[in-house]
């Protein structure tokens, strides 16, 4: 069908990818529980959501959230230190 030609994958694969991407964003940026996020992205059961998430991402949703909150903190520190050294003639 047309969808597969436009996106290079069947619509159900696209939707699954989209749901997992949206779940990643929600896990990082909201305080919702994993069960709530599962429902928000269209999974009836948390266990099904967790299984699909882990298959795609490689870790469970709760582990992902823990790892990302650590990463986000270190990324903020890195970008702050880069900004402080901005405009000191590095691009001449």
N, C-alpha and C. Protein backbone atom coordinates (compact mmCIF):
# COMPACT_ATOMS: atom_id res chain seq x y z
N UNK A 1 0.81 -1.21 0.00
CA UNK A 1 0.00 0.00 0.00
C UNK A 1 0.84 1.26 0.00
N UNK A 2 0.16 2.38 -0.08
CA UNK A 2 0.84 3.68 -0.15
C UNK A 2 1.67 3.95 1.08
N UNK A 3 1.17 3.55 2.24
CA UNK A 3 1.87 3.89 3.47
C UNK A 3 3.26 3.31 3.48
N UNK A 4 3.36 2.04 3.10
CA UNK A 4 4.65 1.37 3.12
C UNK A 4 5.63 2.04 2.16
N UNK A 5 5.13 2.49 1.01
CA UNK A 5 6.01 3.16 0.05
C UNK A 5 6.50 4.50 0.61
N UNK A 6 5.63 5.21 1.32
CA UNK A 6 6.03 6.51 1.86
C UNK A 6 7.01 6.36 3.02
N UNK A 7 6.75 5.42 3.90
CA UNK A 7 7.52 5.34 5.15
C UNK A 7 8.52 4.19 5.19
N UNK A 8 8.49 3.32 4.18
CA UNK A 8 9.45 2.23 4.12
C UNK A 8 9.16 1.10 5.11
N UNK A 9 7.96 1.08 5.67
CA UNK A 9 7.58 0.01 6.60
C UNK A 9 6.07 -0.08 6.64
N UNK A 10 5.55 -1.24 7.06
CA UNK A 10 4.09 -1.35 7.20
C UNK A 10 3.57 -0.43 8.29
N UNK A 11 2.30 -0.08 8.22
CA UNK A 11 1.76 0.89 9.17
C UNK A 11 1.83 0.37 10.61
N UNK A 12 1.66 -0.94 10.82
CA UNK A 12 1.71 -1.40 12.21
C UNK A 12 3.12 -1.31 12.79
N UNK A 13 4.14 -1.51 11.95
CA UNK A 13 5.52 -1.32 12.41
C UNK A 13 5.76 0.15 12.73
N UNK A 14 5.29 1.03 11.86
CA UNK A 14 5.43 2.46 12.08
C UNK A 14 4.76 2.87 13.39
N UNK A 15 3.53 2.38 13.60
CA UNK A 15 2.80 2.74 14.82
C UNK A 15 3.51 2.23 16.06
N UNK A 16 4.05 1.02 15.98
CA UNK A 16 4.77 0.48 17.13
C UNK A 16 6.00 1.32 17.44
N UNK A 17 6.74 1.68 16.40
CA UNK A 17 7.91 2.55 16.59
C UNK A 17 7.50 3.88 17.18
N UNK A 18 6.42 4.44 16.65
CA UNK A 18 5.94 5.74 17.13
C UNK A 18 5.56 5.65 18.61
N UNK A 19 4.83 4.60 18.96
CA UNK A 19 4.41 4.44 20.36
C UNK A 19 5.60 4.34 21.29
N UNK A 20 6.62 3.58 20.87
CA UNK A 20 7.79 3.40 21.73
C UNK A 20 8.57 4.72 21.84
N UNK A 21 8.69 5.45 20.72
CA UNK A 21 9.36 6.76 20.78
C UNK A 21 8.62 7.70 21.72
N UNK A 22 7.30 7.70 21.61
CA UNK A 22 6.48 8.55 22.47
C UNK A 22 6.64 8.12 23.93
N UNK A 23 6.69 6.82 24.17
CA UNK A 23 6.89 6.31 25.52
C UNK A 23 8.24 6.76 26.07
N UNK A 24 9.27 6.72 25.25
CA UNK A 24 10.60 7.19 25.66
C UNK A 24 10.53 8.65 26.11
N UNK A 25 9.84 9.46 25.31
CA UNK A 25 9.73 10.87 25.63
C UNK A 25 8.98 11.06 26.96
N UNK A 26 7.88 10.32 27.13
CA UNK A 26 7.09 10.44 28.35
C UNK A 26 7.86 9.96 29.57
N UNK A 27 8.61 8.88 29.41
CA UNK A 27 9.41 8.37 30.53
C UNK A 27 10.44 9.40 30.97
N UNK A 28 11.01 10.11 30.00
CA UNK A 28 12.05 11.08 30.32
C UNK A 28 11.48 12.37 30.90
N UNK A 29 10.31 12.78 30.42
CA UNK A 29 9.88 14.15 30.68
C UNK A 29 8.62 14.27 31.53
N UNK A 30 8.03 13.14 31.96
CA UNK A 30 6.84 13.22 32.81
C UNK A 30 7.00 12.30 34.01
N UNK A 31 6.24 12.55 35.07
CA UNK A 31 6.30 11.68 36.25
C UNK A 31 5.32 10.51 36.20
N UNK A 32 4.61 10.31 35.07
CA UNK A 32 3.62 9.24 34.99
C UNK A 32 4.25 7.87 35.24
N UNK A 33 3.46 6.99 35.82
CA UNK A 33 3.94 5.62 36.04
C UNK A 33 4.06 4.89 34.70
N UNK A 34 4.81 3.80 34.70
CA UNK A 34 4.95 3.00 33.48
C UNK A 34 3.58 2.51 33.02
N UNK A 35 2.72 2.12 33.96
CA UNK A 35 1.38 1.65 33.59
C UNK A 35 0.58 2.76 32.91
N UNK A 36 0.68 3.99 33.42
CA UNK A 36 -0.03 5.11 32.81
C UNK A 36 0.51 5.40 31.42
N UNK A 37 1.82 5.38 31.28
CA UNK A 37 2.43 5.66 29.98
C UNK A 37 2.03 4.58 28.97
N UNK A 38 2.00 3.33 29.41
CA UNK A 38 1.57 2.23 28.54
C UNK A 38 0.19 2.56 27.96
N UNK A 39 -0.72 2.99 28.81
CA UNK A 39 -2.07 3.31 28.34
C UNK A 39 -2.07 4.54 27.45
N UNK A 40 -1.25 5.54 27.80
CA UNK A 40 -1.21 6.77 27.01
C UNK A 40 -0.77 6.51 25.57
N UNK A 41 0.13 5.54 25.39
CA UNK A 41 0.60 5.26 24.03
C UNK A 41 -0.14 4.09 23.38
N UNK A 42 -1.21 3.61 24.04
CA UNK A 42 -2.11 2.69 23.36
C UNK A 42 -1.96 1.23 23.67
N UNK A 43 -1.27 0.89 24.78
CA UNK A 43 -1.18 -0.52 25.17
C UNK A 43 -2.17 -0.79 26.29
N UNK A 44 -2.96 -1.86 26.12
CA UNK A 44 -3.93 -2.24 27.15
C UNK A 44 -3.21 -2.71 28.41
N UNK A 45 -2.17 -3.51 28.22
CA UNK A 45 -1.51 -4.11 29.39
C UNK A 45 -0.09 -3.59 29.53
N UNK A 46 0.30 -3.35 30.77
CA UNK A 46 1.65 -2.87 31.05
C UNK A 46 2.68 -3.92 30.69
N UNK A 47 2.34 -5.22 30.92
CA UNK A 47 3.33 -6.26 30.65
C UNK A 47 3.61 -6.37 29.14
N UNK A 48 2.56 -6.22 28.33
CA UNK A 48 2.75 -6.24 26.88
C UNK A 48 3.60 -5.04 26.44
N UNK A 49 3.27 -3.88 26.97
CA UNK A 49 4.05 -2.68 26.67
C UNK A 49 5.52 -2.87 27.06
N UNK A 50 5.75 -3.36 28.27
CA UNK A 50 7.12 -3.53 28.74
C UNK A 50 7.89 -4.51 27.86
N UNK A 51 7.20 -5.57 27.41
CA UNK A 51 7.86 -6.57 26.55
C UNK A 51 8.25 -5.95 25.21
N UNK A 52 7.33 -5.19 24.61
CA UNK A 52 7.63 -4.55 23.32
C UNK A 52 8.73 -3.50 23.50
N UNK A 53 8.62 -2.72 24.56
CA UNK A 53 9.61 -1.68 24.83
C UNK A 53 11.00 -2.29 24.97
N UNK A 54 11.10 -3.34 25.78
CA UNK A 54 12.40 -3.96 26.01
C UNK A 54 12.96 -4.58 24.74
N UNK A 55 12.07 -5.16 23.92
CA UNK A 55 12.52 -5.75 22.66
C UNK A 55 13.10 -4.67 21.73
N UNK A 56 12.49 -3.47 21.73
CA UNK A 56 12.95 -2.40 20.83
C UNK A 56 14.14 -1.64 21.39
N UNK A 57 14.13 -1.34 22.69
CA UNK A 57 15.09 -0.43 23.29
C UNK A 57 16.24 -1.17 23.97
N UNK A 58 15.96 -2.40 24.42
CA UNK A 58 17.00 -3.21 25.03
C UNK A 58 16.99 -3.20 26.55
N UNK A 59 16.19 -2.30 27.13
CA UNK A 59 16.02 -2.28 28.59
C UNK A 59 14.55 -2.07 28.90
N UNK A 60 14.16 -2.37 30.13
CA UNK A 60 12.77 -2.16 30.53
C UNK A 60 12.47 -0.67 30.64
N UNK A 61 11.18 -0.29 30.58
CA UNK A 61 10.84 1.14 30.71
C UNK A 61 11.38 1.77 32.00
N UNK A 62 11.30 1.05 33.12
CA UNK A 62 11.76 1.66 34.37
C UNK A 62 13.28 1.83 34.39
N UNK A 63 14.00 0.86 33.83
CA UNK A 63 15.45 0.99 33.72
C UNK A 63 15.80 2.15 32.79
N UNK A 64 15.07 2.25 31.68
CA UNK A 64 15.29 3.34 30.72
C UNK A 64 15.16 4.68 31.42
N UNK A 65 14.10 4.83 32.19
CA UNK A 65 13.87 6.10 32.90
C UNK A 65 15.02 6.41 33.86
N UNK A 66 15.47 5.42 34.62
CA UNK A 66 16.59 5.63 35.55
C UNK A 66 17.84 6.06 34.80
N UNK A 67 18.16 5.30 33.74
CA UNK A 67 19.38 5.60 32.97
C UNK A 67 19.30 6.99 32.35
N UNK A 68 18.13 7.32 31.80
CA UNK A 68 18.00 8.61 31.11
C UNK A 68 18.07 9.77 32.09
N UNK A 69 17.54 9.60 33.29
CA UNK A 69 17.60 10.73 34.21
C UNK A 69 19.06 10.96 34.62
N UNK A 70 19.84 9.89 34.73
CA UNK A 70 21.28 10.07 34.97
C UNK A 70 21.94 10.77 33.79
N UNK A 71 21.63 10.27 32.58
CA UNK A 71 22.22 10.85 31.38
C UNK A 71 21.86 12.33 31.23
N UNK A 72 20.58 12.64 31.44
CA UNK A 72 20.15 14.02 31.26
C UNK A 72 20.91 14.96 32.17
N UNK A 73 21.14 14.54 33.41
CA UNK A 73 21.87 15.39 34.34
C UNK A 73 23.29 15.63 33.83
N UNK A 74 23.95 14.59 33.34
CA UNK A 74 25.32 14.79 32.88
C UNK A 74 25.35 15.60 31.59
N UNK A 75 24.34 15.42 30.73
CA UNK A 75 24.29 16.20 29.49
C UNK A 75 24.13 17.68 29.80
N UNK A 76 23.29 18.00 30.78
CA UNK A 76 23.13 19.41 31.16
C UNK A 76 24.45 20.01 31.59
N UNK A 77 25.21 19.28 32.39
CA UNK A 77 26.49 19.78 32.87
C UNK A 77 27.44 20.01 31.70
N UNK A 78 27.47 19.04 30.78
CA UNK A 78 28.36 19.17 29.62
C UNK A 78 27.99 20.39 28.79
N UNK A 79 26.69 20.56 28.51
CA UNK A 79 26.31 21.67 27.64
C UNK A 79 26.56 23.02 28.33
N UNK A 80 26.41 23.06 29.65
CA UNK A 80 26.73 24.31 30.35
C UNK A 80 28.20 24.65 30.20
N UNK A 81 29.07 23.65 30.36
CA UNK A 81 30.50 23.97 30.27
C UNK A 81 30.88 24.36 28.85
N UNK A 82 30.20 23.77 27.85
CA UNK A 82 30.46 24.17 26.46
C UNK A 82 30.04 25.63 26.25
N UNK A 83 28.87 25.98 26.79
CA UNK A 83 28.37 27.34 26.60
C UNK A 83 29.29 28.38 27.24
N UNK A 84 29.89 28.05 28.36
CA UNK A 84 30.77 29.00 29.03
C UNK A 84 32.00 29.31 28.16
N UNK A 85 32.42 28.33 27.37
CA UNK A 85 33.61 28.55 26.53
C UNK A 85 33.25 29.03 25.14
N UNK A 86 32.00 29.39 24.94
CA UNK A 86 31.55 29.82 23.62
C UNK A 86 32.11 31.19 23.28
N UNK A 87 32.44 31.41 22.02
CA UNK A 87 32.83 32.73 21.55
C UNK A 87 34.17 33.19 22.07
N UNK A 88 35.09 32.27 22.34
CA UNK A 88 36.43 32.68 22.76
C UNK A 88 37.43 32.48 21.63
N UNK A 89 36.95 32.64 20.41
CA UNK A 89 37.86 32.60 19.27
C UNK A 89 38.17 31.21 18.77
N UNK A 90 37.38 30.22 19.16
CA UNK A 90 37.66 28.85 18.74
C UNK A 90 37.40 28.63 17.26
N UNK A 91 36.59 29.49 16.63
CA UNK A 91 36.19 29.25 15.26
C UNK A 91 36.97 30.12 14.26
N UNK A 92 38.12 30.61 14.63
CA UNK A 92 38.87 31.50 13.72
C UNK A 92 39.54 30.71 12.61
